[in-house]
Amino acid sequence: MRVMFVDDEPQILKGIVRMLDGEGCEWDIETAVGGAEALAILADLHVDVMVSEMKMQGMDGAQLFDEVSKIYPSTVRIVLSAESDKKAVFRAVSPMHQYLSKPCEADQLRETIARSCSLRDILKSTESHEIIGRISSLPSLPDIYQKVVAEIESENGSIANVGQLVARDPAMTAKLMQLANSTIFGLRTKVSSPGQAAAMIGMDALQSLILSVAVFQTFSKANVKGCGIESLSNHCFRVGSLCKHIAELERLDKETVGEAYTAGLLHDVGKLVLATNAPNELSAAIEKSKTEKISLVEAEQQLFGLSHDGIGGYLLSIWGLPQSIVEGIAFHHSPDRCMGESLTVPGIVYIANYISRNRENENEQQARFEKFLSDLGLSHRLEKWLDFPDEEESATDSRPPTAAK
């Protein structure tokens, strides 16, 4: 993997190289003094991850990442900066994938870079890396977006209400979690739920991000046949609520409950990516799934060699969401790929998704589901998990579960 560091102060670059280029470093490290030199190097070398200072003479980090996102979209873009001017920092929100504040410990920098590419191999084609690398936001439901804006602009607006509204929309949840898990706002802990994310970012910053920077975009009226965005959002909300229900019944710790809830909310975010970037391919996969009576994941793999679970997992890995949430999304159709001796977030999402959508599925998938529960010694718990409101009731209930602290 090749990593490039960009700064307009050569001594800072030398310090970063000394800090990272020690024994056991497996990366090829490049440095560039300023944005123009970085672009010149990119013309000759493929760079997997670019880490840039925000405040530089000439071309600053936001301008550099704007160019890189257009010309070299598969390059993961991470800001590493001591910039304290929020207006300047917010300019980088769209083209960046993650933000780290200086001073940054070597271990944190290594981990952030490594995790940003941890799921790269799940999508084998360069074209898919480029499509996902270009994405700065996902399509939100217009009515929820309008309610969020109204709540933020209201004199009596509540950050708790904003968090509840955001939790009804997978796209808004994903973007809010990306921002909250950066260090733009001085947060040093991983954030595991949209309510927690909204509370930590605060109303003033959210107002700037949503109204000025426009970090959310609304979905056009056209829906992919067989994948209505409103029904998809309702399904995701139900799966997230069911994940929380299961995690609490199994008496998992609060952090895991929050991560399971958010992973459930976001488990189908890859479908949003396909709906906006490859709608014809997604429609064809849905039709193939129905006519051949195979899973959508199988249809996607057969038609274009990748599937919505891997796409969603990869996007949110480069956006810097906590690893267990990323794995819950990437492996919600194949939890055995990261299965342990006990129930983990991917397993919870798999169970909740199956219960929510596939109770009368083909025998093969039912047998696989039953074997998964049996291998974990949890078959006897299924009846308890099924004691949950009907899907229609869940979809109309506007109160998401309380965020884990």
Protein backbone atom coordinates (compact mmCIF):
# COMPACT_ATOMS: atom_id res chain seq x y z
CA MET A 1 0.00 0.00 0.00
CA ARG A 2 1.31 3.45 -0.92
CA VAL A 3 0.61 6.37 1.44
CA MET A 4 1.38 10.00 0.62
CA PHE A 5 1.75 12.77 3.19
CA VAL A 6 1.32 16.38 2.06
CA ASP A 7 2.40 19.50 3.94
CA ASP A 8 4.01 22.79 2.95
CA GLU A 9 6.62 22.44 5.73
CA PRO A 10 9.35 19.89 4.82
CA GLN A 11 10.41 19.44 8.45
CA ILE A 12 6.92 18.29 9.42
CA LEU A 13 7.00 15.73 6.61
CA LYS A 14 10.36 14.44 7.80
CA GLY A 15 8.97 14.09 11.31
CA ILE A 16 5.98 12.07 10.07
CA VAL A 17 8.26 9.76 8.08
CA ARG A 18 10.51 9.21 11.11
CA MET A 19 7.46 8.50 13.24
CA LEU A 20 5.97 5.92 10.86
CA ASP A 21 8.82 4.52 8.80
CA GLY A 22 10.20 2.31 11.54
CA GLU A 23 10.75 -1.38 11.83
CA GLY A 24 7.81 -3.39 10.59
CA CYS A 25 6.26 -0.62 8.45
CA GLU A 26 4.85 -2.29 5.33
CA TRP A 27 3.80 0.86 3.49
CA ASP A 28 5.53 2.69 0.68
CA ILE A 29 5.63 6.26 1.96
CA GLU A 30 5.72 9.27 -0.36
CA THR A 31 5.87 12.94 0.64
CA ALA A 32 4.92 16.08 -1.21
CA VAL A 33 5.69 19.68 -0.29
CA GLY A 34 2.39 21.35 -1.11
CA GLY A 35 -0.61 20.48 -3.23
CA ALA A 36 0.94 21.14 -6.64
CA GLU A 37 3.78 18.70 -5.98
CA ALA A 38 1.27 16.12 -4.70
CA LEU A 39 -0.72 16.30 -7.95
CA ALA A 40 2.47 16.01 -10.00
CA ILE A 41 3.43 12.82 -8.13
CA LEU A 42 -0.09 11.39 -8.54
CA ALA A 43 0.24 11.77 -12.30
CA ASP A 44 2.99 9.11 -12.23
CA LEU A 45 2.20 6.99 -9.16
CA HIS A 46 -0.96 5.35 -7.81
CA VAL A 47 -1.52 6.37 -4.19
CA ASP A 48 -3.89 4.38 -1.99
CA VAL A 49 -4.16 6.92 0.84
CA MET A 50 -3.36 10.64 0.90
CA VAL A 51 -2.94 12.42 4.25
CA SER A 52 -2.80 16.20 3.93
CA GLU A 53 -2.48 19.28 6.10
CA MET A 54 -5.46 21.61 5.69
CA LYS A 55 -3.73 24.98 5.97
CA MET A 56 -1.04 25.35 3.28
CA GLN A 57 0.27 28.19 1.13
CA GLY A 58 -1.08 28.26 -2.39
CA MET A 59 -3.32 25.22 -2.76
CA ASP A 60 -4.77 24.28 0.63
CA GLY A 61 -5.94 20.84 1.70
CA ALA A 62 -9.57 21.38 0.68
CA GLN A 63 -8.57 22.49 -2.82
CA LEU A 64 -6.16 19.57 -3.14
CA PHE A 65 -8.78 17.04 -2.10
CA ASP A 66 -11.30 18.61 -4.49
CA GLU A 67 -8.88 17.91 -7.34
CA VAL A 68 -7.96 14.43 -6.13
CA SER A 69 -11.61 13.43 -5.70
CA LYS A 70 -12.26 14.33 -9.35
CA ILE A 71 -9.11 12.91 -10.97
CA TYR A 72 -8.07 10.09 -8.60
CA PRO A 73 -11.28 9.20 -6.72
CA SER A 74 -10.06 5.79 -5.52
CA THR A 75 -7.44 7.49 -3.31
CA VAL A 76 -8.62 7.63 0.32
CA ARG A 77 -8.39 11.23 1.55
CA ILE A 78 -7.55 12.01 5.18
CA VAL A 79 -7.05 15.50 6.63
CA LEU A 80 -4.35 15.77 9.33
CA SER A 81 -4.44 19.32 10.58
CA ALA A 82 -4.27 21.69 13.53
CA GLU A 83 -6.62 24.10 11.72
CA SER A 84 -9.08 25.55 14.24
CA ASP A 85 -11.16 27.76 11.91
CA LYS A 86 -14.38 25.75 11.54
CA LYS A 87 -15.41 27.58 8.36
CA ALA A 88 -12.12 26.64 6.73
CA VAL A 89 -12.34 23.07 7.99
CA PHE A 90 -15.91 22.65 6.77
CA ARG A 91 -14.71 23.35 3.22
CA ALA A 92 -12.96 19.98 3.35
CA VAL A 93 -16.02 18.05 4.57
CA SER A 94 -17.24 17.05 1.10
CA PRO A 95 -13.98 15.90 -0.56
CA MET A 96 -12.41 14.32 2.55
CA HIS A 97 -13.09 10.85 3.89
CA GLN A 98 -11.72 11.35 7.42
CA TYR A 99 -10.31 14.13 9.59
CA LEU A 100 -7.60 13.83 12.24
CA SER A 101 -6.52 16.68 14.50
CA LYS A 102 -2.92 17.51 15.33
CA PRO A 103 -1.23 16.51 17.50
CA CYS A 104 -1.95 12.94 16.47
CA GLU A 105 -0.29 9.92 18.07
CA ALA A 106 1.57 7.57 15.75
CA ASP A 107 -0.63 4.61 16.71
CA GLN A 108 -3.82 6.54 15.95
CA LEU A 109 -2.47 7.63 12.57
CA ARG A 110 -1.35 4.09 11.68
CA GLU A 111 -4.67 2.60 12.76
CA THR A 112 -6.73 5.17 10.84
CA ILE A 113 -4.77 4.61 7.63
CA ALA A 114 -4.85 0.82 7.97
CA ARG A 115 -8.56 0.67 8.78
CA SER A 116 -9.47 2.96 5.89
CA CYS A 117 -8.29 0.26 3.50
CA SER A 118 -9.13 -2.79 5.60
CA LEU A 119 -12.04 -3.82 3.36
CA ARG A 120 -10.48 -2.80 0.06
CA ASP A 121 -10.13 -6.39 -1.12
CA ILE A 122 -13.84 -6.99 -0.66
CA LEU A 123 -14.35 -4.97 -3.86
CA LYS A 124 -11.97 -6.33 -6.44
CA SER A 125 -12.44 -3.83 -9.27
CA THR A 126 -10.71 -0.46 -9.50
CA GLU A 127 -13.90 0.95 -11.01
CA SER A 128 -15.86 0.19 -7.83
CA HIS A 129 -13.16 1.86 -5.70
CA GLU A 130 -13.46 4.96 -7.87
CA ILE A 131 -17.27 5.06 -7.71
CA ILE A 132 -17.28 4.79 -3.92
CA GLY A 133 -14.33 7.16 -3.52
CA ARG A 134 -16.32 9.92 -5.26
CA ILE A 135 -19.24 9.69 -2.86
CA SER A 136 -19.45 12.58 -0.40
CA SER A 137 -23.06 12.09 0.68
CA LEU A 138 -25.99 9.74 0.16
CA PRO A 139 -29.60 10.39 -0.88
CA SER A 140 -31.87 11.36 2.00
CA LEU A 141 -35.66 11.32 2.09
CA PRO A 142 -36.92 14.86 1.31
CA ASP A 143 -39.57 14.91 4.04
CA ILE A 144 -37.10 13.89 6.75
CA TYR A 145 -34.53 16.38 5.46
CA GLN A 146 -37.13 19.16 5.63
CA LYS A 147 -38.09 18.17 9.18
CA VAL A 148 -34.41 18.23 10.23
CA VAL A 149 -33.94 21.69 8.71
CA ALA A 150 -37.14 22.95 10.39
CA GLU A 151 -36.00 21.57 13.76
CA ILE A 152 -32.58 23.20 13.42
CA GLU A 153 -34.03 26.57 12.38
CA SER A 154 -36.70 26.55 15.09
CA GLU A 155 -36.15 28.71 18.17
CA ASN A 156 -37.28 25.76 20.27
CA GLY A 157 -35.34 23.20 18.23
CA SER A 158 -33.96 20.25 20.16
CA ILE A 159 -30.76 18.35 19.38
CA ALA A 160 -32.45 15.22 20.75
CA ASN A 161 -35.24 15.64 18.17
CA VAL A 162 -32.66 16.10 15.42
CA GLY A 163 -31.00 12.85 16.44
CA GLN A 164 -34.35 11.05 16.39
CA LEU A 165 -35.16 12.37 12.92
CA VAL A 166 -31.73 11.49 11.54
CA ALA A 167 -32.14 7.94 12.85
CA ARG A 168 -35.12 7.52 10.50
CA ASP A 169 -32.88 8.05 7.47
CA PRO A 170 -29.89 5.75 6.68
CA ALA A 171 -28.20 8.38 4.50
CA MET A 172 -28.27 11.10 7.16
CA THR A 173 -27.20 8.61 9.81
CA ALA A 174 -24.19 7.53 7.74
CA LYS A 175 -22.99 11.09 7.10
CA LEU A 176 -23.55 12.22 10.69
CA MET A 177 -21.61 9.20 11.96
CA GLN A 178 -18.76 9.98 9.57
CA LEU A 179 -18.45 13.51 10.90
CA ALA A 180 -18.87 12.56 14.55
CA ASN A 181 -16.15 9.91 14.29
CA SER A 182 -13.68 12.39 12.85
CA THR A 183 -11.88 14.74 15.24
CA ILE A 184 -13.20 17.93 13.61
CA PHE A 185 -15.20 18.66 16.76
CA GLY A 186 -12.48 17.65 19.21
CA LEU A 187 -14.07 14.28 20.01
CA ARG A 188 -11.57 11.60 20.97
CA THR A 189 -13.92 8.66 21.46
CA LYS A 190 -15.74 6.56 18.90
CA VAL A 191 -19.40 7.48 18.49
CA SER A 192 -21.77 4.54 18.05
CA SER A 193 -25.27 5.98 17.48
CA PRO A 194 -26.89 8.90 15.59
CA GLY A 195 -28.41 10.39 18.74
CA GLN A 196 -25.00 10.43 20.41
CA ALA A 197 -23.46 11.88 17.24
CA ALA A 198 -25.96 14.75 17.06
CA ALA A 199 -25.52 15.58 20.74
CA MET A 200 -21.73 15.69 20.49
CA ILE A 201 -21.63 17.77 17.32
CA GLY A 202 -24.14 20.29 18.68
CA MET A 203 -26.87 22.41 17.12
CA ASP A 204 -24.68 25.29 15.91
CA ALA A 205 -22.26 23.05 14.02
CA LEU A 206 -25.12 20.99 12.58
CA GLN A 207 -26.79 24.15 11.37
CA SER A 208 -23.62 25.19 9.51
CA LEU A 209 -23.08 21.72 8.10
CA ILE A 210 -26.63 21.15 6.91
CA LEU A 211 -27.60 24.65 5.74
CA SER A 212 -24.28 26.08 4.54
CA VAL A 213 -22.09 23.11 3.67
CA ALA A 214 -25.09 20.98 2.57
CA VAL A 215 -23.68 17.68 3.83
CA PHE A 216 -27.01 15.98 3.11
CA GLN A 217 -28.63 15.70 -0.30
CA THR A 218 -32.24 14.80 -0.98
CA PHE A 219 -33.17 11.91 -3.21
CA SER A 220 -34.75 12.60 -6.59
CA LYS A 221 -38.34 11.49 -7.18
CA ALA A 222 -37.24 8.56 -9.34
CA ASN A 223 -36.88 5.32 -7.41
CA VAL A 224 -35.22 2.13 -8.59
CA LYS A 225 -37.89 -0.41 -9.50
CA GLY A 226 -38.21 -2.85 -6.61
CA CYS A 227 -36.16 -0.65 -4.26
CA GLY A 228 -38.20 2.31 -3.06
CA ILE A 229 -36.07 4.56 -0.87
CA GLU A 230 -38.85 5.14 1.66
CA SER A 231 -39.53 1.43 2.11
CA LEU A 232 -35.78 0.78 2.30
CA SER A 233 -35.44 3.41 5.04
CA ASN A 234 -38.34 1.88 6.99
CA HIS A 235 -36.77 -1.56 6.68
CA CYS A 236 -33.39 -0.25 7.88
CA PHE A 237 -35.03 1.45 10.86
CA ARG A 238 -36.84 -1.74 11.79
CA VAL A 239 -33.66 -3.82 11.52
CA GLY A 240 -31.79 -1.30 13.67
CA SER A 241 -34.53 -1.38 16.30
CA LEU A 242 -34.58 -5.17 16.23
CA CYS A 243 -30.77 -5.28 16.57
CA LYS A 244 -31.06 -3.18 19.72
CA HIS A 245 -33.86 -5.43 21.00
CA ILE A 246 -31.73 -8.58 20.49
CA ALA A 247 -28.55 -7.04 21.92
CA GLU A 248 -30.39 -5.90 25.07
CA LEU A 249 -32.08 -9.28 25.53
CA GLU A 250 -28.64 -10.91 25.34
CA ARG A 251 -27.41 -8.41 27.96
CA LEU A 252 -24.56 -7.09 25.86
CA ASP A 253 -22.73 -3.98 27.03
CA LYS A 254 -24.06 -0.52 26.14
CA GLU A 255 -21.39 0.17 23.53
CA THR A 256 -22.20 -3.05 21.67
CA VAL A 257 -25.93 -2.31 21.87
CA GLY A 258 -25.32 1.11 20.28
CA GLU A 259 -23.06 -0.34 17.59
CA ALA A 260 -25.55 -3.10 16.76
CA TYR A 261 -28.36 -0.54 16.50
CA THR A 262 -26.38 1.70 14.15
CA ALA A 263 -25.11 -1.21 12.04
CA GLY A 264 -28.73 -2.28 11.62
CA LEU A 265 -29.77 1.24 10.60
CA LEU A 266 -27.00 1.29 7.99
CA HIS A 267 -26.89 -2.34 6.87
CA ASP A 268 -28.38 -1.63 3.41
CA VAL A 269 -26.55 1.63 2.74
CA GLY A 270 -24.87 -0.11 -0.21
CA LYS A 271 -28.26 -0.21 -1.93
CA LEU A 272 -28.39 3.59 -1.72
CA VAL A 273 -24.96 3.71 -3.39
CA LEU A 274 -26.17 1.43 -6.20
CA ALA A 275 -29.50 3.25 -6.53
CA THR A 276 -27.73 6.55 -7.23
CA ASN A 277 -24.68 5.30 -9.15
CA ALA A 278 -25.82 2.13 -10.89
CA PRO A 279 -29.66 2.10 -10.90
CA ASN A 280 -30.00 -0.09 -14.01
CA GLU A 281 -27.65 -2.71 -12.57
CA LEU A 282 -29.52 -2.74 -9.25
CA SER A 283 -32.87 -3.09 -11.03
CA ALA A 284 -31.49 -5.99 -13.08
CA ALA A 285 -30.19 -7.70 -9.93
CA ILE A 286 -33.55 -7.30 -8.17
CA GLU A 287 -35.35 -8.79 -11.17
CA LYS A 288 -32.86 -11.67 -11.43
CA SER A 289 -33.27 -12.37 -7.73
CA LYS A 290 -37.04 -12.62 -8.11
CA THR A 291 -37.17 -14.66 -11.31
CA GLU A 292 -34.43 -17.13 -10.34
CA LYS A 293 -35.43 -17.24 -6.65
CA ILE A 294 -31.92 -16.48 -5.42
CA SER A 295 -30.77 -13.91 -2.90
CA LEU A 296 -30.12 -10.35 -4.07
CA VAL A 297 -26.47 -10.72 -3.01
CA GLU A 298 -26.09 -13.76 -5.28
CA ALA A 299 -27.75 -11.92 -8.16
CA GLU A 300 -25.49 -8.89 -7.69
CA GLN A 301 -22.36 -11.05 -7.58
CA GLN A 302 -23.37 -12.92 -10.72
CA LEU A 303 -24.21 -9.75 -12.66
CA PHE A 304 -21.44 -7.35 -11.68
CA GLY A 305 -19.07 -9.14 -9.31
CA LEU A 306 -19.83 -7.17 -6.15
CA SER A 307 -22.76 -6.79 -3.78
CA HIS A 308 -24.48 -4.12 -1.72
CA ASP A 309 -23.19 -5.44 1.63
CA GLY A 310 -19.54 -5.12 0.56
CA ILE A 311 -20.16 -1.73 -1.06
CA GLY A 312 -21.74 -0.33 2.11
CA GLY A 313 -19.03 -1.78 4.32
CA TYR A 314 -16.24 -0.36 2.19
CA LEU A 315 -17.80 3.12 2.00
CA LEU A 316 -18.21 3.35 5.76
CA SER A 317 -14.73 1.94 6.39
CA ILE A 318 -13.14 4.79 4.41
CA TRP A 319 -15.52 7.17 6.22
CA GLY A 320 -14.01 6.03 9.52
CA LEU A 321 -16.96 4.45 11.32
CA PRO A 322 -16.15 2.05 14.19
CA GLN A 323 -14.90 -1.31 12.95
CA SER A 324 -17.69 -3.40 14.48
CA ILE A 325 -20.30 -1.25 12.71
CA VAL A 326 -18.42 -1.57 9.43
CA GLU A 327 -18.21 -5.35 9.83
CA GLY A 328 -21.91 -5.51 10.74
CA ILE A 329 -22.70 -3.87 7.40
CA ALA A 330 -20.13 -5.68 5.26
CA PHE A 331 -20.97 -9.15 6.58
CA HIS A 332 -24.68 -8.96 7.36
CA HIS A 333 -25.29 -11.67 4.74
CA SER A 334 -22.21 -13.70 5.70
CA PRO A 335 -21.60 -13.35 9.47
CA ASP A 336 -19.59 -16.57 9.51
CA ARG A 337 -16.74 -14.59 7.87
CA CYS A 338 -16.05 -12.88 11.19
CA MET A 339 -17.75 -15.31 13.56
CA GLY A 340 -16.45 -15.89 17.08
CA GLU A 341 -17.62 -18.05 19.92
CA SER A 342 -20.27 -15.54 20.96
CA LEU A 343 -22.81 -13.27 19.30
CA THR A 344 -21.18 -10.25 17.62
CA VAL A 345 -22.55 -7.22 15.77
CA PRO A 346 -22.48 -8.85 12.29
CA GLY A 347 -24.37 -11.83 13.68
CA ILE A 348 -26.97 -9.60 15.32
CA VAL A 349 -27.54 -7.70 12.06
CA TYR A 350 -27.80 -10.96 10.12
CA ILE A 351 -30.40 -12.31 12.55
CA ALA A 352 -32.41 -9.06 12.64
CA ASN A 353 -32.38 -8.73 8.85
CA TYR A 354 -33.49 -12.35 8.40
CA ILE A 355 -36.30 -12.02 10.93
CA SER A 356 -37.45 -8.72 9.45
CA ARG A 357 -37.53 -9.71 5.81
CA ASN A 358 -37.06 -13.46 5.34
CA ARG A 359 -39.22 -15.40 7.75
CA GLU A 360 -40.71 -17.39 4.85
CA ASN A 361 -37.59 -17.60 2.72
CA GLU A 362 -36.35 -20.56 0.71
CA ASN A 363 -35.41 -23.71 2.60
CA GLU A 364 -31.69 -23.25 1.90
CA GLN A 365 -31.54 -19.85 3.60
CA GLN A 366 -33.73 -21.03 6.45
CA ALA A 367 -31.42 -24.01 7.02
CA ARG A 368 -28.41 -21.68 6.98
CA PHE A 369 -30.08 -19.38 9.51
CA GLU A 370 -30.94 -22.29 11.82
CA LYS A 371 -27.40 -23.66 11.59
CA PHE A 372 -25.97 -20.24 12.48
CA LEU A 373 -28.08 -20.10 15.63
CA SER A 374 -27.26 -23.71 16.49
CA ASP A 375 -23.50 -23.17 16.11
CA LEU A 376 -23.73 -20.33 18.65
CA GLY A 377 -26.01 -22.30 20.95
CA LEU A 378 -28.76 -19.69 20.58
CA SER A 379 -31.59 -21.58 18.88
CA HIS A 380 -33.64 -21.45 22.08
CA ARG A 381 -33.47 -17.63 22.09
CA LEU A 382 -35.27 -17.12 18.78
CA GLU A 383 -38.76 -17.09 20.33
CA LYS A 384 -37.74 -14.28 22.68
CA TRP A 385 -36.27 -12.21 19.82
CA LEU A 386 -39.47 -12.62 17.80
CA ASP A 387 -41.43 -10.88 20.56
CA PHE A 388 -41.12 -7.58 18.74
CA PRO A 389 -43.68 -5.15 17.19
CA ASP A 390 -44.94 -5.90 13.69
CA GLU A 391 -43.07 -4.19 10.88
CA GLU A 392 -45.88 -1.75 10.10
CA GLU A 393 -46.03 -0.64 13.73
CA SER A 394 -42.25 -0.19 13.82
CA ALA A 395 -42.24 1.78 10.58
CA THR A 396 -44.82 4.27 11.87
CA ASP A 397 -43.29 4.68 15.31
CA SER A 398 -41.16 7.85 15.16
CA ARG A 399 -39.29 7.14 18.37
CA PRO A 400 -35.93 5.43 17.77
CA PRO A 401 -34.32 3.52 20.62
CA THR A 402 -32.40 5.57 23.16
CA ALA A 403 -28.80 6.06 22.05
CA ALA A 404 -26.16 4.13 23.96
CA LYS A 405 -23.92 6.34 25.98
